[in-house]
Each structure stands twice: as structure tokens, then as C-alpha cells.
C-alpha atoms as a PDB file:
ATOM      1  CA  UNK A   1     122.448 130.416  31.758  1.00  0.00           C
ATOM      2  CA  UNK A   2     120.185 127.821  30.235  1.00  0.00           C
ATOM      3  CA  UNK A   3     120.391 129.391  26.759  1.00  0.00           C
ATOM      4  CA  UNK A   4     124.156 128.878  26.322  1.00  0.00           C
ATOM      5  CA  UNK A   5     124.935 126.298  23.656  1.00  0.00           C
ATOM      6  CA  UNK A   6     128.153 124.380  23.019  1.00  0.00           C
ATOM      7  CA  UNK A   7     130.437 125.596  20.236  1.00  0.00           C
ATOM      8  CA  UNK A   8     129.934 122.301  18.397  1.00  0.00           C
ATOM      9  CA  UNK A   9     126.143 122.708  18.386  1.00  0.00           C
ATOM     10  CA  UNK A  10     126.448 126.334  17.256  1.00  0.00           C
ATOM     11  CA  UNK A  11     128.801 125.283  14.425  1.00  0.00           C
ATOM     12  CA  UNK A  12     126.220 122.734  13.300  1.00  0.00           C
ATOM     13  CA  UNK A  13     123.412 125.314  13.410  1.00  0.00           C
ATOM     14  CA  UNK A  14     125.524 127.925  11.616  1.00  0.00           C
ATOM     15  CA  UNK A  15     126.321 125.415   8.871  1.00  0.00           C
ATOM     16  CA  UNK A  16     122.583 124.883   8.477  1.00  0.00           C
ATOM     17  CA  UNK A  17     122.229 128.603   7.713  1.00  0.00           C
ATOM     18  CA  UNK A  18     121.304 129.956  11.171  1.00  0.00           C
ATOM     19  CA  UNK A  19     122.927 133.416  11.138  1.00  0.00           C
ATOM     20  CA  UNK A  20     121.987 134.050  14.775  1.00  0.00           C
ATOM     21  CA  UNK A  21     123.850 130.880  15.826  1.00  0.00           C
ATOM     22  CA  UNK A  22     126.866 132.013  13.796  1.00  0.00           C
ATOM     23  CA  UNK A  23     126.850 135.404  15.496  1.00  0.00           C
ATOM     24  CA  UNK A  24     126.533 133.805  18.928  1.00  0.00           C
ATOM     25  CA  UNK A  25     129.335 131.349  18.100  1.00  0.00           C
ATOM     26  CA  UNK A  26     131.803 133.979  16.940  1.00  0.00           C
ATOM     27  CA  UNK A  27     130.989 136.320  19.827  1.00  0.00           C
ATOM     28  CA  UNK A  28     132.209 133.637  22.255  1.00  0.00           C
ATOM     29  CA  UNK A  29     135.740 134.158  20.874  1.00  0.00           C
ATOM     30  CA  UNK A  30     135.897 137.966  20.949  1.00  0.00           C
ATOM     31  CA  UNK A  31     137.777 138.145  24.288  1.00  0.00           C
ATOM     32  CA  UNK A  32     140.117 135.336  23.272  1.00  0.00           C
ATOM     33  CA  UNK A  33     141.010 137.063  20.002  1.00  0.00           C
ATOM     34  CA  UNK A  34     141.421 140.433  21.736  1.00  0.00           C
ATOM     35  CA  UNK A  35     143.881 138.903  24.199  1.00  0.00           C
ATOM     36  CA  UNK A  36     145.868 137.357  21.356  1.00  0.00           C
ATOM     37  CA  UNK A  37     145.827 140.620  19.414  1.00  0.00           C
ATOM     38  CA  UNK A  38     146.949 142.641  22.430  1.00  0.00           C
ATOM     39  CA  UNK A  39     149.825 140.252  23.013  1.00  0.00           C
ATOM     40  CA  UNK A  40     150.974 140.582  19.390  1.00  0.00           C
ATOM     41  CA  UNK A  41     150.453 144.268  18.598  1.00  0.00           C
ATOM     42  CA  UNK A  42     153.533 146.065  19.900  1.00  0.00           C
ATOM     43  CA  UNK A  43     153.150 149.145  22.055  1.00  0.00           C
ATOM     44  CA  UNK A  44     154.495 151.436  19.303  1.00  0.00           C
ATOM     45  CA  UNK A  45     151.994 150.093  16.789  1.00  0.00           C
ATOM     46  CA  UNK A  46     149.034 150.368  19.214  1.00  0.00           C
ATOM     47  CA  UNK A  47     149.041 154.116  18.604  1.00  0.00           C
ATOM     48  CA  UNK A  48     148.012 153.405  15.008  1.00  0.00           C
ATOM     49  CA  UNK A  49     146.400 149.967  15.287  1.00  0.00           C
ATOM     50  CA  UNK A  50     143.785 149.192  17.913  1.00  0.00           C
ATOM     51  CA  UNK A  51     143.696 145.460  18.776  1.00  0.00           C
ATOM     52  CA  UNK A  52     139.885 145.733  19.069  1.00  0.00           C
ATOM     53  CA  UNK A  53     139.699 146.862  15.435  1.00  0.00           C
ATOM     54  CA  UNK A  54     141.828 143.890  14.428  1.00  0.00           C
ATOM     55  CA  UNK A  55     139.480 141.563  16.328  1.00  0.00           C
ATOM     56  CA  UNK A  56     136.401 143.135  14.733  1.00  0.00           C
ATOM     57  CA  UNK A  57     137.923 142.724  11.282  1.00  0.00           C
ATOM     58  CA  UNK A  58     138.746 139.081  12.085  1.00  0.00           C
ATOM     59  CA  UNK A  59     135.216 138.324  13.291  1.00  0.00           C
ATOM     60  CA  UNK A  60     133.632 140.003  10.256  1.00  0.00           C
ATOM     61  CA  UNK A  61     135.869 138.015   7.941  1.00  0.00           C
ATOM     62  CA  UNK A  62     135.081 134.786   9.827  1.00  0.00           C
ATOM     63  CA  UNK A  63     131.369 135.492   9.503  1.00  0.00           C
ATOM     64  CA  UNK A  64     131.665 136.278   5.806  1.00  0.00           C
ATOM     65  CA  UNK A  65     133.825 133.206   5.068  1.00  0.00           C
ATOM     66  CA  UNK A  66     132.297 130.729   7.528  1.00  0.00           C
ATOM     67  CA  UNK A  67     131.419 128.330   4.703  1.00  0.00           C
ATOM     68  CA  UNK A  68     135.203 127.840   4.245  1.00  0.00           C
ATOM     69  CA  UNK A  69     135.563 126.523   7.823  1.00  0.00           C
ATOM     70  CA  UNK A  70     135.897 122.744   7.459  1.00  0.00           C
ATOM     71  CA  UNK A  71     136.181 121.753  11.127  1.00  0.00           C
ATOM     72  CA  UNK A  72     133.544 120.847  13.668  1.00  0.00           C
ATOM     73  CA  UNK A  73     135.169 121.270  17.098  1.00  0.00           C
ATOM     74  CA  UNK A  74     136.298 124.187  19.186  1.00  0.00           C
ATOM     75  CA  UNK A  75     140.016 123.461  18.790  1.00  0.00           C
ATOM     76  CA  UNK A  76     139.647 123.588  15.002  1.00  0.00           C
ATOM     77  CA  UNK A  77     137.582 126.763  15.201  1.00  0.00           C
ATOM     78  CA  UNK A  78     140.089 128.590  17.418  1.00  0.00           C
ATOM     79  CA  UNK A  79     142.931 127.531  15.091  1.00  0.00           C
ATOM     80  CA  UNK A  80     140.977 128.870  12.095  1.00  0.00           C
ATOM     81  CA  UNK A  81     140.220 132.157  13.877  1.00  0.00           C
ATOM     82  CA  UNK A  82     143.892 132.503  14.893  1.00  0.00           C
ATOM     83  CA  UNK A  83     144.951 132.072  11.255  1.00  0.00           C
ATOM     84  CA  UNK A  84     142.562 134.836  10.181  1.00  0.00           C
ATOM     85  CA  UNK A  85     143.869 137.080  12.976  1.00  0.00           C
ATOM     86  CA  UNK A  86     147.492 136.377  11.983  1.00  0.00           C
ATOM     87  CA  UNK A  87     146.773 137.172   8.345  1.00  0.00           C
ATOM     88  CA  UNK A  88     144.963 140.403   9.249  1.00  0.00           C
ATOM     89  CA  UNK A  89     147.771 141.438  11.574  1.00  0.00           C
ATOM     90  CA  UNK A  90     150.365 140.711   8.891  1.00  0.00           C
ATOM     91  CA  UNK A  91     148.366 142.833   6.443  1.00  0.00           C
ATOM     92  CA  UNK A  92     148.152 145.677   8.965  1.00  0.00           C
ATOM     93  CA  UNK A  93     151.879 145.492   9.693  1.00  0.00           C
ATOM     94  CA  UNK A  94     152.591 145.623   5.973  1.00  0.00           C
ATOM     95  CA  UNK A  95     150.282 148.600   5.612  1.00  0.00           C
ATOM     96  CA  UNK A  96     151.637 150.507   8.605  1.00  0.00           C
ATOM     97  CA  UNK A  97     155.257 149.878   7.777  1.00  0.00           C
ATOM     98  CA  UNK A  98     154.687 150.715   4.078  1.00  0.00           C
ATOM     99  CA  UNK A  99     157.022 147.910   3.093  1.00  0.00           C
ATOM    100  CA  UNK A 100     156.890 145.325   0.396  1.00  0.00           C
ATOM    101  CA  UNK A 101     155.410 142.114   1.824  1.00  0.00           C
ATOM    102  CA  UNK A 102     158.109 140.043   3.454  1.00  0.00           C
ATOM    103  CA  UNK A 103     156.940 136.439   3.436  1.00  0.00           C
ATOM    104  CA  UNK A 104     159.685 135.408   5.848  1.00  0.00           C
ATOM    105  CA  UNK A 105     158.087 137.599   8.512  1.00  0.00           C
ATOM    106  CA  UNK A 106     154.716 135.849   8.299  1.00  0.00           C
ATOM    107  CA  UNK A 107     155.929 132.524   9.670  1.00  0.00           C
ATOM    108  CA  UNK A 108     157.493 134.061  12.794  1.00  0.00           C
ATOM    109  CA  UNK A 109     154.261 136.031  13.297  1.00  0.00           C
ATOM    110  CA  UNK A 110     152.261 132.795  13.174  1.00  0.00           C
ATOM    111  CA  UNK A 111     154.725 131.223  15.595  1.00  0.00           C
ATOM    112  CA  UNK A 112     154.333 134.190  17.943  1.00  0.00           C
ATOM    113  CA  UNK A 113     150.556 133.888  17.921  1.00  0.00           C
ATOM    114  CA  UNK A 114     150.813 130.135  18.587  1.00  0.00           C
ATOM    115  CA  UNK A 115     153.214 130.877  21.469  1.00  0.00           C
ATOM    116  CA  UNK A 116     150.760 133.408  22.890  1.00  0.00           C
ATOM    117  CA  UNK A 117     148.025 130.803  22.569  1.00  0.00           C
ATOM    118  CA  UNK A 118     150.203 128.278  24.423  1.00  0.00           C
ATOM    119  CA  UNK A 119     151.029 130.855  27.094  1.00  0.00           C
ATOM    120  CA  UNK A 120     147.345 131.526  27.616  1.00  0.00           C
ATOM    121  CA  UNK A 121     146.598 127.830  27.989  1.00  0.00           C
ATOM    122  CA  UNK A 122     149.630 126.952  30.130  1.00  0.00           C
ATOM    123  CA  UNK A 123     148.390 128.005  33.572  1.00  0.00           C
ATOM    124  CA  UNK A 124     145.209 126.000  33.103  1.00  0.00           C
ATOM    125  CA  UNK A 125     146.525 122.460  33.494  1.00  0.00           C
ATOM    126  CA  UNK A 126     144.040 121.482  36.241  1.00  0.00           C
ATOM    127  CA  UNK A 127     141.873 118.704  34.825  1.00  0.00           C
ATOM    128  CA  UNK A 128     138.132 119.171  34.958  1.00  0.00           C
ATOM    129  CA  UNK A 129     135.350 117.646  32.895  1.00  0.00           C
ATOM    130  CA  UNK A 130     133.996 121.050  31.910  1.00  0.00           C
ATOM    131  CA  UNK A 131     137.351 122.534  30.920  1.00  0.00           C
ATOM    132  CA  UNK A 132     138.121 119.419  28.888  1.00  0.00           C
ATOM    133  CA  UNK A 133     135.151 120.341  26.667  1.00  0.00           C
ATOM    134  CA  UNK A 134     136.291 123.912  26.147  1.00  0.00           C
ATOM    135  CA  UNK A 135     139.426 125.309  24.574  1.00  0.00           C
ATOM    136  CA  UNK A 136     141.373 126.402  27.646  1.00  0.00           C
ATOM    137  CA  UNK A 137     142.658 129.662  26.233  1.00  0.00           C
ATOM    138  CA  UNK A 138     139.109 130.721  25.364  1.00  0.00           C
ATOM    139  CA  UNK A 139     137.931 130.060  28.906  1.00  0.00           C
ATOM    140  CA  UNK A 140     140.945 131.959  30.267  1.00  0.00           C
ATOM    141  CA  UNK A 141     140.288 134.954  28.031  1.00  0.00           C
ATOM    142  CA  UNK A 142     136.662 135.082  29.160  1.00  0.00           C
ATOM    143  CA  UNK A 143     137.661 134.804  32.823  1.00  0.00           C
ATOM    144  CA  UNK A 144     140.276 137.562  32.437  1.00  0.00           C
ATOM    145  CA  UNK A 145     137.596 139.988  31.277  1.00  0.00           C
ATOM    146  CA  UNK A 146     135.808 139.480  34.601  1.00  0.00           C
ATOM    147  CA  UNK A 147     138.825 140.493  36.698  1.00  0.00           C
ATOM    148  CA  UNK A 148     139.348 144.005  38.072  1.00  0.00           C
ATOM    149  CA  UNK A 149     141.621 146.021  35.741  1.00  0.00           C
ATOM    150  CA  UNK A 150     144.724 145.890  37.991  1.00  0.00           C
ATOM    151  CA  UNK A 151     144.420 142.076  38.342  1.00  0.00           C
ATOM    152  CA  UNK A 152     144.033 141.721  34.575  1.00  0.00           C
ATOM    153  CA  UNK A 153     147.004 144.013  33.964  1.00  0.00           C
ATOM    154  CA  UNK A 154     149.373 142.182  36.312  1.00  0.00           C
ATOM    155  CA  UNK A 155     148.482 138.793  34.805  1.00  0.00           C
ATOM    156  CA  UNK A 156     148.831 140.108  31.253  1.00  0.00           C
ATOM    157  CA  UNK A 157     152.181 141.771  31.954  1.00  0.00           C
ATOM    158  CA  UNK A 158     153.552 138.742  33.790  1.00  0.00           C
ATOM    159  CA  UNK A 159     152.265 135.886  31.636  1.00  0.00           C
ATOM    160  CA  UNK A 160     151.700 137.318  28.164  1.00  0.00           C
ATOM    161  CA  UNK A 161     154.458 139.897  28.005  1.00  0.00           C
ATOM    162  CA  UNK A 162     156.863 137.943  30.251  1.00  0.00           C
ATOM    163  CA  UNK A 163     157.797 140.972  32.345  1.00  0.00           C
ATOM    164  CA  UNK A 164     159.697 140.674  35.617  1.00  0.00           C
ATOM    165  CA  UNK A 165     158.043 141.739  38.860  1.00  0.00           C
ATOM    166  CA  UNK A 166     160.401 144.739  38.999  1.00  0.00           C
ATOM    167  CA  UNK A 167     159.414 145.840  35.482  1.00  0.00           C
ATOM    168  CA  UNK A 168     155.730 145.415  36.319  1.00  0.00           C
ATOM    169  CA  UNK A 169     156.223 147.410  39.529  1.00  0.00           C
ATOM    170  CA  UNK A 170     157.703 150.292  37.528  1.00  0.00           C
ATOM    171  CA  UNK A 171     154.866 150.216  35.011  1.00  0.00           C
ATOM    172  CA  UNK A 172     152.125 150.010  37.641  1.00  0.00           C
ATOM    173  CA  UNK A 173     153.705 152.494  40.073  1.00  0.00           C
ATOM    174  CA  UNK A 174     153.933 149.961  42.918  1.00  0.00           C
ATOM    175  CA  UNK A 175     156.682 148.191  44.798  1.00  0.00           C
ATOM    176  CA  UNK A 176     157.865 144.793  43.613  1.00  0.00           C
ATOM    177  CA  UNK A 177     156.492 143.201  46.793  1.00  0.00           C
ATOM    178  CA  UNK A 178     153.087 144.815  46.261  1.00  0.00           C
ATOM    179  CA  UNK A 179     153.044 143.553  42.665  1.00  0.00           C
ATOM    180  CA  UNK A 180     153.816 140.000  43.833  1.00  0.00           C
ATOM    181  CA  UNK A 181     150.918 140.133  46.291  1.00  0.00           C
ATOM    182  CA  UNK A 182     148.613 141.601  43.634  1.00  0.00           C
ATOM    183  CA  UNK A 183     149.694 138.860  41.221  1.00  0.00           C
ATOM    184  CA  UNK A 184     148.978 136.098  43.775  1.00  0.00           C
ATOM    185  CA  UNK A 185     145.531 137.535  44.557  1.00  0.00           C
ATOM    186  CA  UNK A 186     144.828 137.925  40.831  1.00  0.00           C
ATOM    187  CA  UNK A 187     145.757 134.286  40.141  1.00  0.00           C
ATOM    188  CA  UNK A 188     143.579 133.129  43.032  1.00  0.00           C
ATOM    189  CA  UNK A 189     140.597 135.131  41.737  1.00  0.00           C
ATOM    190  CA  UNK A 190     141.262 133.930  38.184  1.00  0.00           C
ATOM    191  CA  UNK A 191     141.326 130.322  39.402  1.00  0.00           C
ATOM    192  CA  UNK A 192     137.925 130.814  41.039  1.00  0.00           C
ATOM    193  CA  UNK A 193     136.482 132.284  37.850  1.00  0.00           C
ATOM    194  CA  UNK A 194     137.931 129.433  35.808  1.00  0.00           C
ATOM    195  CA  UNK A 195     136.284 126.855  38.059  1.00  0.00           C
ATOM    196  CA  UNK A 196     132.927 128.627  37.697  1.00  0.00           C
ATOM    197  CA  UNK A 197     133.002 128.455  33.876  1.00  0.00           C
END
């Protein structure tokens, strides 16, 4: 893909008023934000709040308020996008629970999103020149979207939700041994996709 530009270059172009560059920049983080949203929106709330809607709202807000972004690198951009996502999720929780805003709950929510971010980045400790230039969790989120659904599900359940192999087996309707094998194959495929990015 010769037309793919680095996040830093796209930030520079977007700051210069290039709306197409801004759209291309933000679109690179859609999968990353969706993964974070899915890890934070509880199963009970998913009936009323679709993580994809939360991501869309976050991207629209980021586009509208891009002039407020003061950073220049990908790490700063992902941190800024996470803060917008956290704030939108907190607003949705407040709305859906019809409670007065509880400011003490916002900090733990931010901590949870940061923990999810760290969990996404954790399995990617292999050094590589290309990965050093990219935010690891973003690359992981993009690679996860390329996996078959059962591979993606087993990795998400195991690493983002912290489920045991037995719990995953029950959810997926497989034996614990079959889930372990699926998980190993999924990690192997994910590793190959990560190397290719």
C-alpha cells in the first residue's frame, strides 16, 4: 500500500486544514477504539449501548475538536482518543443508569480503559523497527480484525476479559482442550499478522 501515510504526517496535514488527511488519520484508530469500547461496555449494558456507536461518537467528536489536540505523535493521539472514549462512556453510563453524576466513578473508569490498553499492548513485546514506530495496541487491534471470528473471540475472552479456559469453553460450546488449541492457533496467526503490519 504505497498510499498509506504515517500518523505523524497525517497529523501535520490535518493541522494544515486537510480534512481528508484528518478522516484518514482517525479511521486508522476505529478498530483500536472498538476493542477498547468492547472491553469496557459490560454485557448487560451492550443491550442498550452498542460499542460501535460509542466509537462513532468518539471519532466524530475527535474530528470536530481536532484543533484542541496538542500532540504530534501516535502515543499522544491514542491517549487523547482514549480520553474522549472514556468521557463518552461515562456520559452513556450516567444516561443509562439515570443517576446523578458520580465523579468518583470516572477515575476508576479511566483506570479500566488504561488497563485494557495495557492488556492489548502486553502480548506485543517483540521488538521490531516497524512496531516501534506504531502504537502497539493500535497494530494489535487492526490485526485482530483480520482474524477469523472464533480466533478473535478466544483471544478477546482470554486476554481482554481474563476468562479461564474452562469459562471460554462453556461460552464457545467446546471442550477446554479444544479451546486451548484454538487459542494457540489464534496467537500464532495473530503473530503472523502483527509481523506483516
